[in-house]
Amino acid sequence: MSDGERAIRERVDTWLAASRAGLAVRAQRTRPAPGPAPT
């Protein structure tokens, strides 16, 4: 695996983890999370 592929995979993994966490928080709370919301 090249460095570029590893960087992309890490970025995707980070995005998926953040997205999953965001969905879990959104399901538990009605108020929006602080910070800019992803579109």
C-alpha atoms as a PDB file:
ATOM      1  CA  MET A   1       0.000   0.000   0.000  1.00  0.00           C
ATOM      2  CA  SER A   2       1.387   3.397  -0.916  1.00  0.00           C
ATOM      3  CA  ASP A   3       1.483   6.368   1.445  1.00  0.00           C
ATOM      4  CA  GLY A   4      -1.263   8.056  -0.575  1.00  0.00           C
ATOM      5  CA  GLU A   5      -3.548   5.047  -0.287  1.00  0.00           C
ATOM      6  CA  ARG A   6      -2.870   4.806   3.446  1.00  0.00           C
ATOM      7  CA  ALA A   7      -3.660   8.493   3.921  1.00  0.00           C
ATOM      8  CA  ILE A   8      -6.926   8.143   2.027  1.00  0.00           C
ATOM      9  CA  ARG A   9      -7.909   5.038   3.992  1.00  0.00           C
ATOM     10  CA  GLU A  10      -7.133   6.749   7.298  1.00  0.00           C
ATOM     11  CA  ARG A  11      -9.155   9.783   6.228  1.00  0.00           C
ATOM     12  CA  VAL A  12     -12.114   7.603   5.263  1.00  0.00           C
ATOM     13  CA  ASP A  13     -11.880   5.651   8.523  1.00  0.00           C
ATOM     14  CA  THR A  14     -11.808   8.905  10.487  1.00  0.00           C
ATOM     15  CA  TRP A  15     -14.782  10.255   8.531  1.00  0.00           C
ATOM     16  CA  LEU A  16     -16.761   7.067   9.085  1.00  0.00           C
ATOM     17  CA  ALA A  17     -16.024   7.079  12.804  1.00  0.00           C
ATOM     18  CA  ALA A  18     -16.996  10.739  13.104  1.00  0.00           C
ATOM     19  CA  SER A  19     -20.136  10.185  11.055  1.00  0.00           C
ATOM     20  CA  ARG A  20     -21.153   7.184  13.151  1.00  0.00           C
ATOM     21  CA  ALA A  21     -20.517   9.093  16.377  1.00  0.00           C
ATOM     22  CA  GLY A  22     -22.448  12.082  15.044  1.00  0.00           C
ATOM     23  CA  LEU A  23     -25.431   9.913  14.162  1.00  0.00           C
ATOM     24  CA  ALA A  24     -25.377   8.305  17.610  1.00  0.00           C
ATOM     25  CA  VAL A  25     -25.303  11.701  19.318  1.00  0.00           C
ATOM     26  CA  ARG A  26     -28.030  13.004  17.013  1.00  0.00           C
ATOM     27  CA  ALA A  27     -30.208  10.026  17.869  1.00  0.00           C
ATOM     28  CA  GLN A  28     -29.748  10.654  21.603  1.00  0.00           C
ATOM     29  CA  ARG A  29     -30.081  14.443  21.593  1.00  0.00           C
ATOM     30  CA  THR A  30     -32.409  16.778  19.753  1.00  0.00           C
ATOM     31  CA  ARG A  31     -30.184  19.848  20.063  1.00  0.00           C
ATOM     32  CA  PRO A  32     -27.494  20.256  17.363  1.00  0.00           C
ATOM     33  CA  ALA A  33     -23.906  19.540  18.269  1.00  0.00           C
ATOM     34  CA  PRO A  34     -21.559  22.522  18.620  1.00  0.00           C
ATOM     35  CA  GLY A  35     -19.500  23.483  15.606  1.00  0.00           C
ATOM     36  CA  PRO A  36     -20.353  23.542  11.911  1.00  0.00           C
ATOM     37  CA  ALA A  37     -22.712  20.791  10.844  1.00  0.00           C
ATOM     38  CA  PRO A  38     -21.593  18.571   7.946  1.00  0.00           C
ATOM     39  CA  THR A  39     -23.727  18.985   4.856  1.00  0.00           C
END
